[in-house]
Amino acid sequence: MTPATLFLHADAALREVIDQLDPADFSAPVPKEWSQLESPTLLGILGRHAYDEAWIPDVLAGRAAADGDPYADVDLLGDDPIASYDALNDKATAAARSGDIAETFRFTYGDYPADEGFAHLATYRAFQAYSIAKHFGVPFHLSPELVAGFNEHVTPHADEWRQWGVFPRAIEPPADADDETRLLCTLGFWQP
């Protein structure tokens, strides 16, 4: 699996979870570590993901927030947050499938070759999907394709990325762990 395909699978996984959210939960608090907001809520997290999706076509084209941020202080969610997120996700998916990808992705935390950049984007999405689903009781599993893609492109870098604060400490997997659970334990996200 290419890193771009891994991103597409992870982006689809996050959308799968978001599409199952109950708008009645939008004001519900979420763990502080999910956000830099003082009192993060599910709607705030959804807004952050909408902002991230809005940026995908620009990031894939090699642009960065330092060039100007057209999405700052813009209400990207409107009156129907899930539908608005889905529309942004459609644009991000189209950009990733276009094949017109910059050699370097310019994130706020540094510049990375496109393949590594796609792995960063995929990681954020897949583990937010898992975390949101667990927190709100949404049925969800990382697909076998995602597990294989992460084992290929992300777990070899887990210890390095852990030093940057991307992953929590690894967890000892249960004796009967399946492939998804082993991956989640390796990256420190598993929740019984």
C-alpha atoms as a PDB file:
ATOM      1  CA  MET A   1       0.000   0.000   0.000  1.00  0.00           C
ATOM      2  CA  THR A   2       1.319   3.446  -0.845  1.00  0.00           C
ATOM      3  CA  PRO A   3       1.326   6.157   1.827  1.00  0.00           C
ATOM      4  CA  ALA A   4      -1.237   8.080  -0.257  1.00  0.00           C
ATOM      5  CA  THR A   5      -3.548   5.059  -0.197  1.00  0.00           C
ATOM      6  CA  LEU A   6      -2.997   4.736   3.554  1.00  0.00           C
ATOM      7  CA  PHE A   7      -4.102   8.361   3.906  1.00  0.00           C
ATOM      8  CA  LEU A   8      -7.244   7.708   1.829  1.00  0.00           C
ATOM      9  CA  HIS A   9      -8.167   4.698   3.986  1.00  0.00           C
ATOM     10  CA  ALA A  10      -7.551   6.635   7.221  1.00  0.00           C
ATOM     11  CA  ASP A  11      -9.485   9.663   5.982  1.00  0.00           C
ATOM     12  CA  ALA A  12     -12.400   7.395   5.045  1.00  0.00           C
ATOM     13  CA  ALA A  13     -12.246   5.773   8.496  1.00  0.00           C
ATOM     14  CA  LEU A  14     -12.517   9.133  10.243  1.00  0.00           C
ATOM     15  CA  ARG A  15     -15.453  10.078   8.020  1.00  0.00           C
ATOM     16  CA  GLU A  16     -17.114   6.750   8.831  1.00  0.00           C
ATOM     17  CA  VAL A  17     -16.974   7.629  12.534  1.00  0.00           C
ATOM     18  CA  ILE A  18     -17.999  11.266  12.078  1.00  0.00           C
ATOM     19  CA  ASP A  19     -21.001  10.239   9.977  1.00  0.00           C
ATOM     20  CA  GLN A  20     -22.231   8.107  12.898  1.00  0.00           C
ATOM     21  CA  LEU A  21     -21.993  10.870  15.505  1.00  0.00           C
ATOM     22  CA  ASP A  22     -25.141  12.083  17.215  1.00  0.00           C
ATOM     23  CA  PRO A  23     -25.452  15.893  17.001  1.00  0.00           C
ATOM     24  CA  ALA A  24     -26.931  15.746  20.519  1.00  0.00           C
ATOM     25  CA  ASP A  25     -23.364  14.914  21.667  1.00  0.00           C
ATOM     26  CA  PHE A  26     -21.737  17.970  20.059  1.00  0.00           C
ATOM     27  CA  SER A  27     -21.553  19.837  23.370  1.00  0.00           C
ATOM     28  CA  ALA A  28     -20.132  16.802  25.213  1.00  0.00           C
ATOM     29  CA  PRO A  29     -16.619  17.229  26.613  1.00  0.00           C
ATOM     30  CA  VAL A  30     -13.763  15.236  25.157  1.00  0.00           C
ATOM     31  CA  PRO A  31     -10.372  14.402  26.680  1.00  0.00           C
ATOM     32  CA  LYS A  32      -8.166  17.460  27.069  1.00  0.00           C
ATOM     33  CA  GLU A  33      -5.283  15.742  25.266  1.00  0.00           C
ATOM     34  CA  TRP A  34      -7.322  15.735  22.046  1.00  0.00           C
ATOM     35  CA  SER A  35      -7.089  19.491  21.710  1.00  0.00           C
ATOM     36  CA  GLN A  36      -5.287  22.647  22.711  1.00  0.00           C
ATOM     37  CA  LEU A  37      -8.629  24.193  23.683  1.00  0.00           C
ATOM     38  CA  GLU A  38      -9.247  24.900  27.355  1.00  0.00           C
ATOM     39  CA  SER A  39     -12.545  22.951  27.458  1.00  0.00           C
ATOM     40  CA  PRO A  40     -12.734  20.855  24.291  1.00  0.00           C
ATOM     41  CA  THR A  41     -16.052  19.493  23.084  1.00  0.00           C
ATOM     42  CA  LEU A  42     -16.964  17.066  20.349  1.00  0.00           C
ATOM     43  CA  LEU A  43     -18.064  19.971  18.141  1.00  0.00           C
ATOM     44  CA  GLY A  44     -14.712  21.657  18.711  1.00  0.00           C
ATOM     45  CA  ILE A  45     -12.914  18.489  17.649  1.00  0.00           C
ATOM     46  CA  LEU A  46     -15.156  18.209  14.593  1.00  0.00           C
ATOM     47  CA  GLY A  47     -14.310  21.835  13.777  1.00  0.00           C
ATOM     48  CA  ARG A  48     -10.614  21.021  14.038  1.00  0.00           C
ATOM     49  CA  HIS A  49     -11.029  18.090  11.668  1.00  0.00           C
ATOM     50  CA  ALA A  50     -13.000  20.268   9.248  1.00  0.00           C
ATOM     51  CA  TYR A  51     -10.154  22.799   9.301  1.00  0.00           C
ATOM     52  CA  ASP A  52      -7.637  20.016   8.682  1.00  0.00           C
ATOM     53  CA  GLU A  53      -9.688  18.633   5.773  1.00  0.00           C
ATOM     54  CA  ALA A  54     -10.037  22.117   4.265  1.00  0.00           C
ATOM     55  CA  TRP A  55      -6.248  22.372   4.216  1.00  0.00           C
ATOM     56  CA  ILE A  56      -5.593  19.020   2.501  1.00  0.00           C
ATOM     57  CA  PRO A  57      -5.778  20.263  -1.123  1.00  0.00           C
ATOM     58  CA  ASP A  58      -3.376  23.093  -0.225  1.00  0.00           C
ATOM     59  CA  VAL A  59      -0.965  20.847   1.682  1.00  0.00           C
ATOM     60  CA  LEU A  60      -0.902  18.324  -1.164  1.00  0.00           C
ATOM     61  CA  ALA A  61      -0.131  21.197  -3.549  1.00  0.00           C
ATOM     62  CA  GLY A  62       2.846  22.249  -1.396  1.00  0.00           C
ATOM     63  CA  ARG A  63       1.301  25.316   0.247  1.00  0.00           C
ATOM     64  CA  ALA A  64       1.575  26.103   3.958  1.00  0.00           C
ATOM     65  CA  ALA A  65      -0.200  28.249   6.521  1.00  0.00           C
ATOM     66  CA  ALA A  66       2.837  30.545   6.439  1.00  0.00           C
ATOM     67  CA  ASP A  67       1.729  31.480   2.898  1.00  0.00           C
ATOM     68  CA  GLY A  68      -1.580  32.732   4.339  1.00  0.00           C
ATOM     69  CA  ASP A  69      -4.413  30.926   6.088  1.00  0.00           C
ATOM     70  CA  PRO A  70      -7.707  31.303   4.222  1.00  0.00           C
ATOM     71  CA  TYR A  71      -9.482  29.061   6.761  1.00  0.00           C
ATOM     72  CA  ALA A  72      -8.588  30.917   9.964  1.00  0.00           C
ATOM     73  CA  ASP A  73     -11.611  32.345  11.727  1.00  0.00           C
ATOM     74  CA  VAL A  74     -13.982  30.817   9.154  1.00  0.00           C
ATOM     75  CA  ASP A  75     -17.042  28.811  10.226  1.00  0.00           C
ATOM     76  CA  LEU A  76     -16.390  25.637   8.257  1.00  0.00           C
ATOM     77  CA  LEU A  77     -19.198  23.663   9.921  1.00  0.00           C
ATOM     78  CA  GLY A  78     -22.219  25.923   9.360  1.00  0.00           C
ATOM     79  CA  ASP A  79     -25.696  24.744  10.307  1.00  0.00           C
ATOM     80  CA  ASP A  80     -25.050  21.091   9.451  1.00  0.00           C
ATOM     81  CA  PRO A  81     -21.600  20.208  10.822  1.00  0.00           C
ATOM     82  CA  ILE A  82     -21.500  16.607   9.622  1.00  0.00           C
ATOM     83  CA  ALA A  83     -22.594  17.448   6.070  1.00  0.00           C
ATOM     84  CA  SER A  84     -20.106  20.337   6.007  1.00  0.00           C
ATOM     85  CA  TYR A  85     -17.313  18.040   7.151  1.00  0.00           C
ATOM     86  CA  ASP A  86     -18.307  15.489   4.491  1.00  0.00           C
ATOM     87  CA  ALA A  87     -18.131  18.145   1.752  1.00  0.00           C
ATOM     88  CA  LEU A  88     -14.620  19.116   2.867  1.00  0.00           C
ATOM     89  CA  ASN A  89     -13.677  15.441   3.028  1.00  0.00           C
ATOM     90  CA  ASP A  90     -14.887  14.989  -0.576  1.00  0.00           C
ATOM     91  CA  LYS A  91     -12.532  17.787  -1.712  1.00  0.00           C
ATOM     92  CA  ALA A  92      -9.624  16.311   0.261  1.00  0.00           C
ATOM     93  CA  THR A  93     -10.250  12.875  -1.242  1.00  0.00           C
ATOM     94  CA  ALA A  94     -10.392  14.296  -4.763  1.00  0.00           C
ATOM     95  CA  ALA A  95      -7.117  16.149  -4.202  1.00  0.00           C
ATOM     96  CA  ALA A  96      -5.387  13.000  -2.930  1.00  0.00           C
ATOM     97  CA  ARG A  97      -6.691  10.953  -5.863  1.00  0.00           C
ATOM     98  CA  SER A  98      -5.702  13.564  -8.434  1.00  0.00           C
ATOM     99  CA  GLY A  99      -2.089  12.398  -8.440  1.00  0.00           C
ATOM    100  CA  ASP A 100      -0.957  16.032  -8.587  1.00  0.00           C
ATOM    101  CA  ILE A 101       1.014  15.914  -5.334  1.00  0.00           C
ATOM    102  CA  ALA A 102       3.891  18.139  -4.229  1.00  0.00           C
ATOM    103  CA  GLU A 103       7.194  16.473  -3.358  1.00  0.00           C
ATOM    104  CA  THR A 104       7.188  18.196   0.049  1.00  0.00           C
ATOM    105  CA  PHE A 105       4.349  18.769   2.514  1.00  0.00           C
ATOM    106  CA  ARG A 106       4.785  21.938   4.547  1.00  0.00           C
ATOM    107  CA  PHE A 107       3.195  21.412   7.942  1.00  0.00           C
ATOM    108  CA  THR A 108       3.244  23.956  10.764  1.00  0.00           C
ATOM    109  CA  TYR A 109       5.746  21.679  12.548  1.00  0.00           C
ATOM    110  CA  GLY A 110       8.109  21.243   9.580  1.00  0.00           C
ATOM    111  CA  ASP A 111       8.546  20.143   5.986  1.00  0.00           C
ATOM    112  CA  TYR A 112       8.383  16.438   5.099  1.00  0.00           C
ATOM    113  CA  PRO A 113       8.652  14.359   1.932  1.00  0.00           C
ATOM    114  CA  ALA A 114       5.184  13.552   0.583  1.00  0.00           C
ATOM    115  CA  ASP A 115       5.291   9.870   1.563  1.00  0.00           C
ATOM    116  CA  GLU A 116       6.126  10.700   5.167  1.00  0.00           C
ATOM    117  CA  GLY A 117       3.596  13.544   5.134  1.00  0.00           C
ATOM    118  CA  PHE A 118       0.863  11.152   4.036  1.00  0.00           C
ATOM    119  CA  ALA A 119       1.819   8.847   6.937  1.00  0.00           C
ATOM    120  CA  HIS A 120       1.502  11.789   9.361  1.00  0.00           C
ATOM    121  CA  LEU A 121      -1.929  12.712   7.980  1.00  0.00           C
ATOM    122  CA  ALA A 122      -3.103   9.100   8.085  1.00  0.00           C
ATOM    123  CA  THR A 123      -1.940   8.630  11.669  1.00  0.00           C
ATOM    124  CA  TYR A 124      -3.842  11.649  12.934  1.00  0.00           C
ATOM    125  CA  ARG A 125      -7.053  10.567  11.238  1.00  0.00           C
ATOM    126  CA  ALA A 126      -7.044   6.861  12.036  1.00  0.00           C
ATOM    127  CA  PHE A 127      -6.309   7.218  15.723  1.00  0.00           C
ATOM    128  CA  GLN A 128      -8.744  10.097  16.146  1.00  0.00           C
ATOM    129  CA  ALA A 129     -11.359   7.863  14.484  1.00  0.00           C
ATOM    130  CA  TYR A 130     -10.548   5.101  16.958  1.00  0.00           C
ATOM    131  CA  SER A 131     -10.498   7.442  19.963  1.00  0.00           C
ATOM    132  CA  ILE A 132     -13.727   9.256  19.067  1.00  0.00           C
ATOM    133  CA  ALA A 133     -15.490   5.966  18.370  1.00  0.00           C
ATOM    134  CA  LYS A 134     -14.408   4.490  21.710  1.00  0.00           C
ATOM    135  CA  HIS A 135     -15.329   7.652  23.624  1.00  0.00           C
ATOM    136  CA  PHE A 136     -18.819   7.940  22.103  1.00  0.00           C
ATOM    137  CA  GLY A 137     -19.667   4.256  21.663  1.00  0.00           C
ATOM    138  CA  VAL A 138     -19.597   4.311  17.861  1.00  0.00           C
ATOM    139  CA  PRO A 139     -19.030   0.854  16.341  1.00  0.00           C
ATOM    140  CA  PHE A 140     -15.653   0.985  14.599  1.00  0.00           C
ATOM    141  CA  HIS A 141     -12.604  -1.124  13.809  1.00  0.00           C
ATOM    142  CA  LEU A 142      -9.459  -0.321  11.890  1.00  0.00           C
ATOM    143  CA  SER A 143      -9.747  -2.242   8.630  1.00  0.00           C
ATOM    144  CA  PRO A 144      -7.209  -4.960   7.796  1.00  0.00           C
ATOM    145  CA  GLU A 145      -5.922  -2.625   5.047  1.00  0.00           C
ATOM    146  CA  LEU A 146      -5.321   0.157   7.577  1.00  0.00           C
ATOM    147  CA  VAL A 147      -3.604  -2.211   9.991  1.00  0.00           C
ATOM    148  CA  ALA A 148      -1.313  -3.497   7.224  1.00  0.00           C
ATOM    149  CA  GLY A 149      -0.606   0.028   5.986  1.00  0.00           C
ATOM    150  CA  PHE A 150       0.278   1.276   9.459  1.00  0.00           C
ATOM    151  CA  ASN A 151       2.496  -1.729  10.085  1.00  0.00           C
ATOM    152  CA  GLU A 152       4.302  -0.918   6.830  1.00  0.00           C
ATOM    153  CA  HIS A 153       4.585   2.880   7.042  1.00  0.00           C
ATOM    154  CA  VAL A 154       4.183   3.932  10.685  1.00  0.00           C
ATOM    155  CA  THR A 155       5.142   1.280  13.255  1.00  0.00           C
ATOM    156  CA  PRO A 156       8.778   1.215  12.051  1.00  0.00           C
ATOM    157  CA  HIS A 157       8.930   4.873  13.219  1.00  0.00           C
ATOM    158  CA  ALA A 158       6.873   4.434  16.396  1.00  0.00           C
ATOM    159  CA  ASP A 159       9.700   4.901  18.891  1.00  0.00           C
ATOM    160  CA  GLU A 160      11.038   7.975  17.066  1.00  0.00           C
ATOM    161  CA  TRP A 161       7.555   9.538  16.816  1.00  0.00           C
ATOM    162  CA  ARG A 162       6.886   8.635  20.448  1.00  0.00           C
ATOM    163  CA  GLN A 163       9.821  10.860  21.420  1.00  0.00           C
ATOM    164  CA  TRP A 164       8.040  13.759  19.643  1.00  0.00           C
ATOM    165  CA  GLY A 165       4.863  13.104  21.627  1.00  0.00           C
ATOM    166  CA  VAL A 166       2.900  11.613  18.718  1.00  0.00           C
ATOM    167  CA  PHE A 167       2.280   8.292  20.453  1.00  0.00           C
ATOM    168  CA  PRO A 168       1.788   7.381  24.102  1.00  0.00           C
ATOM    169  CA  ARG A 169       3.924   4.626  25.568  1.00  0.00           C
ATOM    170  CA  ALA A 170       3.466   1.150  24.109  1.00  0.00           C
ATOM    171  CA  ILE A 171       1.094  -1.235  25.862  1.00  0.00           C
ATOM    172  CA  GLU A 172       1.659  -4.948  26.375  1.00  0.00           C
ATOM    173  CA  PRO A 173      -0.967  -6.652  24.182  1.00  0.00           C
ATOM    174  CA  PRO A 174      -3.241  -9.315  25.654  1.00  0.00           C
ATOM    175  CA  ALA A 175      -2.239 -12.896  24.880  1.00  0.00           C
ATOM    176  CA  ASP A 176      -5.195 -13.349  22.506  1.00  0.00           C
ATOM    177  CA  ALA A 177      -4.687 -10.005  20.700  1.00  0.00           C
ATOM    178  CA  ASP A 178      -5.722  -9.759  17.064  1.00  0.00           C
ATOM    179  CA  ASP A 179      -3.792  -7.701  14.489  1.00  0.00           C
ATOM    180  CA  GLU A 180      -5.747  -4.506  15.221  1.00  0.00           C
ATOM    181  CA  THR A 181      -5.180  -4.800  18.975  1.00  0.00           C
ATOM    182  CA  ARG A 182      -1.456  -5.501  18.509  1.00  0.00           C
ATOM    183  CA  LEU A 183      -1.114  -2.391  16.335  1.00  0.00           C
ATOM    184  CA  LEU A 184      -3.059  -0.256  18.815  1.00  0.00           C
ATOM    185  CA  CYS A 185      -0.874  -1.554  21.671  1.00  0.00           C
ATOM    186  CA  THR A 186       2.345  -0.914  19.740  1.00  0.00           C
ATOM    187  CA  LEU A 187       1.264   2.683  19.153  1.00  0.00           C
ATOM    188  CA  GLY A 188      -0.129   3.104  22.668  1.00  0.00           C
ATOM    189  CA  PHE A 189      -3.791   3.669  21.779  1.00  0.00           C
ATOM    190  CA  TRP A 190      -5.459   0.414  22.771  1.00  0.00           C
ATOM    191  CA  GLN A 191      -8.346   0.628  25.221  1.00  0.00           C
ATOM    192  CA  PRO A 192      -9.844  -2.599  26.591  1.00  0.00           C
END
